[in-house]
Amino acid sequence: MCTLSLATPLCYTKGTAIPCVLVIESPNAQDLDLLSSPKAVDIRLQRCVTYSSIPPSLRTHAVRKDWNSSVDFPSAATFWPGPPCENPHQRQLDGEIQLSPHLKPSCAIMHFSITYNVVMFPFEDLAFESSDRNILLSEKVEIGTLFAEGPKPKVYSAPQFTNSSSKLARFTPTGVSMDFAS
């Protein structure tokens, strides 16, 4: 069993990080050691861009055909061993998902939207090969451009952005090229 905790509220500022805590529990010590390796955990930020090229006057929100969407994973969580747990059958991993300063914020405008989710995939370990690579857990988060009142979040790990979160990121869904970089 594992429990993923994200800092609340579930709204984060681009250029910062999403703090994460993962607690893994197993009665088998060997399994626990394998699964609590930071490299075995696969948690990512998922971005979904949805749009329609049909003019608003010709479509309704009830009919979702002719809508296109593109999904990518602009960043992945970095984990490190957390403090020891009181329960000997538990391990804690602390981590964060870094948010590129070039990420576009969450939005929904008429026929266009950008949404984000934190998603968890099956553990990646040589001893635990999962034939199913589907998402196990998904939690919707908002990405904003301004800091909330109070102390600014602190990033603890080195920057690790994929090409899809870079300033020159491009989505190329079904023959349409759209540049979301500014």
C-alpha atoms as a PDB file:
ATOM      1  CA  MET A   1       0.000   0.000   0.000  1.00  0.00           C
ATOM      2  CA  CYS A   2       1.219   3.524  -0.673  1.00  0.00           C
ATOM      3  CA  THR A   3      -0.066   6.985   0.167  1.00  0.00           C
ATOM      4  CA  LEU A   4       0.857  10.035  -1.903  1.00  0.00           C
ATOM      5  CA  SER A   5       0.452  13.426  -0.223  1.00  0.00           C
ATOM      6  CA  LEU A   6       0.645  16.749  -2.062  1.00  0.00           C
ATOM      7  CA  ALA A   7       0.892  20.186  -0.455  1.00  0.00           C
ATOM      8  CA  THR A   8      -2.465  21.957  -0.364  1.00  0.00           C
ATOM      9  CA  PRO A   9      -4.103  23.974  -1.761  1.00  0.00           C
ATOM     10  CA  LEU A  10      -3.575  22.153  -5.051  1.00  0.00           C
ATOM     11  CA  CYS A  11      -2.515  25.336  -6.851  1.00  0.00           C
ATOM     12  CA  TYR A  12       1.170  25.953  -7.551  1.00  0.00           C
ATOM     13  CA  THR A  13       3.194  28.734  -9.166  1.00  0.00           C
ATOM     14  CA  LYS A  14       5.245  28.024 -12.282  1.00  0.00           C
ATOM     15  CA  GLY A  15       8.974  28.208 -11.573  1.00  0.00           C
ATOM     16  CA  THR A  16       8.513  26.562  -8.150  1.00  0.00           C
ATOM     17  CA  ALA A  17       7.863  22.946  -7.128  1.00  0.00           C
ATOM     18  CA  ILE A  18       5.015  20.716  -5.976  1.00  0.00           C
ATOM     19  CA  PRO A  19       6.079  19.186  -2.620  1.00  0.00           C
ATOM     20  CA  CYS A  20       5.285  15.447  -2.393  1.00  0.00           C
ATOM     21  CA  VAL A  21       5.488  12.804   0.333  1.00  0.00           C
ATOM     22  CA  LEU A  22       5.083   9.119  -0.495  1.00  0.00           C
ATOM     23  CA  VAL A  23       4.612   6.573   2.302  1.00  0.00           C
ATOM     24  CA  ILE A  24       5.002   2.932   1.249  1.00  0.00           C
ATOM     25  CA  GLU A  25       3.833   0.088   3.484  1.00  0.00           C
ATOM     26  CA  SER A  26       4.499  -3.647   3.160  1.00  0.00           C
ATOM     27  CA  PRO A  27       4.858  -6.554   5.594  1.00  0.00           C
ATOM     28  CA  ASN A  28       7.715  -7.908   3.425  1.00  0.00           C
ATOM     29  CA  ALA A  29      10.983  -6.088   4.242  1.00  0.00           C
ATOM     30  CA  GLN A  30      12.644  -6.985   0.927  1.00  0.00           C
ATOM     31  CA  ASP A  31       9.674  -5.698  -1.103  1.00  0.00           C
ATOM     32  CA  LEU A  32       9.609  -2.560   1.008  1.00  0.00           C
ATOM     33  CA  ASP A  33      13.302  -1.899   0.379  1.00  0.00           C
ATOM     34  CA  LEU A  34      12.902  -2.387  -3.385  1.00  0.00           C
ATOM     35  CA  LEU A  35       9.793  -0.219  -3.709  1.00  0.00           C
ATOM     36  CA  SER A  36      11.078   2.569  -1.472  1.00  0.00           C
ATOM     37  CA  SER A  37      14.030   3.232  -3.756  1.00  0.00           C
ATOM     38  CA  PRO A  38      13.624   6.780  -5.128  1.00  0.00           C
ATOM     39  CA  LYS A  39      14.357   5.448  -8.637  1.00  0.00           C
ATOM     40  CA  ALA A  40      11.441   2.973  -8.470  1.00  0.00           C
ATOM     41  CA  VAL A  41       8.821   5.714  -8.088  1.00  0.00           C
ATOM     42  CA  ASP A  42       7.248   7.147 -11.263  1.00  0.00           C
ATOM     43  CA  ILE A  43       5.192  10.267 -10.493  1.00  0.00           C
ATOM     44  CA  ARG A  44       4.867  12.986 -13.126  1.00  0.00           C
ATOM     45  CA  LEU A  45       3.093  16.193 -14.011  1.00  0.00           C
ATOM     46  CA  GLN A  46       0.653  15.562 -16.872  1.00  0.00           C
ATOM     47  CA  ARG A  47      -0.442  18.410 -19.147  1.00  0.00           C
ATOM     48  CA  CYS A  48      -3.529  18.159 -21.366  1.00  0.00           C
ATOM     49  CA  VAL A  49      -4.247  20.773 -24.028  1.00  0.00           C
ATOM     50  CA  THR A  50      -7.778  20.531 -25.447  1.00  0.00           C
ATOM     51  CA  TYR A  51      -9.043  22.649 -28.332  1.00  0.00           C
ATOM     52  CA  SER A  52     -11.537  22.803 -31.195  1.00  0.00           C
ATOM     53  CA  SER A  53     -11.117  24.418 -34.586  1.00  0.00           C
ATOM     54  CA  ILE A  54     -14.889  24.661 -35.088  1.00  0.00           C
ATOM     55  CA  PRO A  55     -16.198  28.198 -34.483  1.00  0.00           C
ATOM     56  CA  PRO A  56     -18.155  28.579 -31.210  1.00  0.00           C
ATOM     57  CA  SER A  57     -21.354  29.455 -33.088  1.00  0.00           C
ATOM     58  CA  LEU A  58     -21.378  26.024 -34.796  1.00  0.00           C
ATOM     59  CA  ARG A  59     -20.817  23.790 -31.788  1.00  0.00           C
ATOM     60  CA  THR A  60     -22.118  23.247 -28.295  1.00  0.00           C
ATOM     61  CA  HIS A  61     -20.371  21.998 -25.186  1.00  0.00           C
ATOM     62  CA  ALA A  62     -22.710  18.993 -25.127  1.00  0.00           C
ATOM     63  CA  VAL A  63     -21.208  17.666 -28.368  1.00  0.00           C
ATOM     64  CA  ARG A  64     -17.550  16.859 -27.735  1.00  0.00           C
ATOM     65  CA  LYS A  65     -16.655  15.563 -31.205  1.00  0.00           C
ATOM     66  CA  ASP A  66     -14.283  17.647 -33.268  1.00  0.00           C
ATOM     67  CA  TRP A  67     -12.321  18.414 -30.116  1.00  0.00           C
ATOM     68  CA  ASN A  68      -8.618  17.610 -30.192  1.00  0.00           C
ATOM     69  CA  SER A  69      -6.360  16.999 -27.246  1.00  0.00           C
ATOM     70  CA  SER A  70      -2.672  16.536 -26.700  1.00  0.00           C
ATOM     71  CA  VAL A  71      -1.151  15.047 -23.547  1.00  0.00           C
ATOM     72  CA  ASP A  72       2.464  15.247 -22.410  1.00  0.00           C
ATOM     73  CA  PHE A  73       4.478  15.007 -19.190  1.00  0.00           C
ATOM     74  CA  PRO A  74       6.583  18.164 -18.743  1.00  0.00           C
ATOM     75  CA  SER A  75       8.226  17.098 -15.473  1.00  0.00           C
ATOM     76  CA  ALA A  76       8.740  14.146 -13.164  1.00  0.00           C
ATOM     77  CA  ALA A  77       9.052  13.949  -9.397  1.00  0.00           C
ATOM     78  CA  THR A  78      12.452  13.682  -7.763  1.00  0.00           C
ATOM     79  CA  PHE A  79      12.450  11.732  -4.485  1.00  0.00           C
ATOM     80  CA  TRP A  80      14.913  11.138  -1.661  1.00  0.00           C
ATOM     81  CA  PRO A  81      14.628   9.073   1.553  1.00  0.00           C
ATOM     82  CA  GLY A  82      12.506  10.821   4.163  1.00  0.00           C
ATOM     83  CA  PRO A  83      12.736  10.601   7.944  1.00  0.00           C
ATOM     84  CA  PRO A  84      12.447   7.120   9.495  1.00  0.00           C
ATOM     85  CA  CYS A  85       8.887   5.932  10.143  1.00  0.00           C
ATOM     86  CA  GLU A  86       7.802   4.665  13.560  1.00  0.00           C
ATOM     87  CA  ASN A  87       6.217   1.634  11.891  1.00  0.00           C
ATOM     88  CA  PRO A  88       8.993  -0.791  10.739  1.00  0.00           C
ATOM     89  CA  HIS A  89       6.777  -1.839   7.796  1.00  0.00           C
ATOM     90  CA  GLN A  90       6.722   1.688   6.355  1.00  0.00           C
ATOM     91  CA  ARG A  91       9.161   3.870   4.416  1.00  0.00           C
ATOM     92  CA  GLN A  92       8.774   7.546   3.609  1.00  0.00           C
ATOM     93  CA  LEU A  93      10.095   9.291   0.517  1.00  0.00           C
ATOM     94  CA  ASP A  94      10.119  13.086   0.343  1.00  0.00           C
ATOM     95  CA  GLY A  95      10.223  14.799  -3.016  1.00  0.00           C
ATOM     96  CA  GLU A  96       9.015  17.441  -5.386  1.00  0.00           C
ATOM     97  CA  ILE A  97       7.895  17.985  -8.944  1.00  0.00           C
ATOM     98  CA  GLN A  98       9.710  21.007 -10.318  1.00  0.00           C
ATOM     99  CA  LEU A  99       7.626  23.365 -12.417  1.00  0.00           C
ATOM    100  CA  SER A 100       9.459  25.066 -15.262  1.00  0.00           C
ATOM    101  CA  PRO A 101       9.181  28.855 -15.288  1.00  0.00           C
ATOM    102  CA  HIS A 102       8.115  28.421 -18.936  1.00  0.00           C
ATOM    103  CA  LEU A 103       5.004  26.312 -18.173  1.00  0.00           C
ATOM    104  CA  LYS A 104       1.785  27.847 -19.400  1.00  0.00           C
ATOM    105  CA  PRO A 105      -0.764  28.333 -16.601  1.00  0.00           C
ATOM    106  CA  SER A 106      -3.987  26.346 -16.280  1.00  0.00           C
ATOM    107  CA  CYS A 107      -6.758  27.982 -18.287  1.00  0.00           C
ATOM    108  CA  ALA A 108     -10.097  27.387 -19.990  1.00  0.00           C
ATOM    109  CA  ILE A 109     -11.215  29.868 -22.632  1.00  0.00           C
ATOM    110  CA  MET A 110     -14.132  28.999 -24.951  1.00  0.00           C
ATOM    111  CA  HIS A 111     -12.648  26.362 -27.271  1.00  0.00           C
ATOM    112  CA  PHE A 112      -9.223  26.001 -25.621  1.00  0.00           C
ATOM    113  CA  SER A 113      -8.014  24.671 -22.262  1.00  0.00           C
ATOM    114  CA  ILE A 114      -4.801  23.669 -20.525  1.00  0.00           C
ATOM    115  CA  THR A 115      -5.186  21.372 -17.524  1.00  0.00           C
ATOM    116  CA  TYR A 116      -2.648  19.642 -15.290  1.00  0.00           C
ATOM    117  CA  ASN A 117      -2.691  16.483 -13.164  1.00  0.00           C
ATOM    118  CA  VAL A 118      -0.152  14.832 -10.899  1.00  0.00           C
ATOM    119  CA  VAL A 119      -0.158  11.195 -12.008  1.00  0.00           C
ATOM    120  CA  MET A 120       1.387   8.053 -10.563  1.00  0.00           C
ATOM    121  CA  PHE A 121       2.453   5.122 -12.733  1.00  0.00           C
ATOM    122  CA  PRO A 122       3.306   1.591 -11.516  1.00  0.00           C
ATOM    123  CA  PHE A 123       6.631   1.238  -9.706  1.00  0.00           C
ATOM    124  CA  GLU A 124       9.662   0.663 -11.936  1.00  0.00           C
ATOM    125  CA  ASP A 125      11.920  -2.015 -10.505  1.00  0.00           C
ATOM    126  CA  LEU A 126      13.579  -5.081 -11.993  1.00  0.00           C
ATOM    127  CA  ALA A 127      11.917  -7.308  -9.384  1.00  0.00           C
ATOM    128  CA  PHE A 128       8.464  -5.780 -10.004  1.00  0.00           C
ATOM    129  CA  GLU A 129       7.762  -5.680 -13.727  1.00  0.00           C
ATOM    130  CA  SER A 130       4.223  -4.434 -14.337  1.00  0.00           C
ATOM    131  CA  SER A 131       2.621  -5.413 -17.629  1.00  0.00           C
ATOM    132  CA  ASP A 132       0.113  -2.590 -17.154  1.00  0.00           C
ATOM    133  CA  ARG A 133       1.699   0.862 -17.533  1.00  0.00           C
ATOM    134  CA  ASN A 134      -1.587   2.741 -17.099  1.00  0.00           C
ATOM    135  CA  ILE A 135      -1.931   5.585 -14.620  1.00  0.00           C
ATOM    136  CA  LEU A 136      -2.681   4.332 -11.094  1.00  0.00           C
ATOM    137  CA  LEU A 137      -3.563   7.677  -9.531  1.00  0.00           C
ATOM    138  CA  SER A 138      -4.439  11.110 -10.885  1.00  0.00           C
ATOM    139  CA  GLU A 139      -4.986  14.347  -8.952  1.00  0.00           C
ATOM    140  CA  LYS A 140      -5.953  17.573 -10.713  1.00  0.00           C
ATOM    141  CA  VAL A 141      -3.758  20.571  -9.885  1.00  0.00           C
ATOM    142  CA  GLU A 142      -3.771  24.185 -11.011  1.00  0.00           C
ATOM    143  CA  ILE A 143      -0.681  25.986 -12.290  1.00  0.00           C
ATOM    144  CA  GLY A 144      -0.655  29.753 -11.804  1.00  0.00           C
ATOM    145  CA  THR A 145       1.618  32.679 -12.560  1.00  0.00           C
ATOM    146  CA  LEU A 146       1.592  34.600  -9.265  1.00  0.00           C
ATOM    147  CA  PHE A 147       2.617  33.657  -5.749  1.00  0.00           C
ATOM    148  CA  ALA A 148      -0.023  33.493  -3.051  1.00  0.00           C
ATOM    149  CA  GLU A 149       0.402  35.628   0.054  1.00  0.00           C
ATOM    150  CA  GLY A 150       2.889  34.314   2.597  1.00  0.00           C
ATOM    151  CA  PRO A 151       6.324  32.735   2.311  1.00  0.00           C
ATOM    152  CA  LYS A 152       7.477  31.691  -1.145  1.00  0.00           C
ATOM    153  CA  PRO A 153       7.988  27.946  -1.736  1.00  0.00           C
ATOM    154  CA  LYS A 154      11.543  26.639  -1.613  1.00  0.00           C
ATOM    155  CA  VAL A 155      12.874  24.208  -4.247  1.00  0.00           C
ATOM    156  CA  TYR A 156      15.179  21.527  -2.818  1.00  0.00           C
ATOM    157  CA  SER A 157      16.336  19.510  -5.842  1.00  0.00           C
ATOM    158  CA  ALA A 158      18.401  20.469  -8.898  1.00  0.00           C
ATOM    159  CA  PRO A 159      16.416  21.612 -11.981  1.00  0.00           C
ATOM    160  CA  GLN A 160      15.298  18.694 -14.164  1.00  0.00           C
ATOM    161  CA  PHE A 161      12.963  19.770 -16.959  1.00  0.00           C
ATOM    162  CA  THR A 162      12.168  17.726 -20.063  1.00  0.00           C
ATOM    163  CA  ASN A 163      12.087  19.207 -23.546  1.00  0.00           C
ATOM    164  CA  SER A 164       8.300  19.592 -23.395  1.00  0.00           C
ATOM    165  CA  SER A 165       8.585  22.154 -20.598  1.00  0.00           C
ATOM    166  CA  SER A 166      11.335  24.161 -22.208  1.00  0.00           C
ATOM    167  CA  LYS A 167      10.823  27.621 -23.607  1.00  0.00           C
ATOM    168  CA  LEU A 168      10.615  26.185 -27.126  1.00  0.00           C
ATOM    169  CA  ALA A 169       8.084  23.429 -26.367  1.00  0.00           C
ATOM    170  CA  ARG A 170       5.722  22.511 -29.179  1.00  0.00           C
ATOM    171  CA  PHE A 171       2.664  20.310 -29.334  1.00  0.00           C
ATOM    172  CA  THR A 172       2.125  18.667 -32.704  1.00  0.00           C
ATOM    173  CA  PRO A 173      -1.249  16.910 -32.551  1.00  0.00           C
ATOM    174  CA  THR A 174      -2.506  15.310 -35.786  1.00  0.00           C
ATOM    175  CA  GLY A 175      -0.828  17.591 -38.264  1.00  0.00           C
ATOM    176  CA  VAL A 176      -1.513  20.876 -36.466  1.00  0.00           C
ATOM    177  CA  SER A 177       1.532  22.695 -35.126  1.00  0.00           C
ATOM    178  CA  MET A 178       0.850  25.107 -32.315  1.00  0.00           C
ATOM    179  CA  ASP A 179       3.570  26.949 -30.423  1.00  0.00           C
ATOM    180  CA  PHE A 180       2.730  27.497 -26.756  1.00  0.00           C
ATOM    181  CA  ALA A 181       6.047  29.128 -25.926  1.00  0.00           C
ATOM    182  CA  SER A 182       6.175  32.844 -25.360  1.00  0.00           C
END
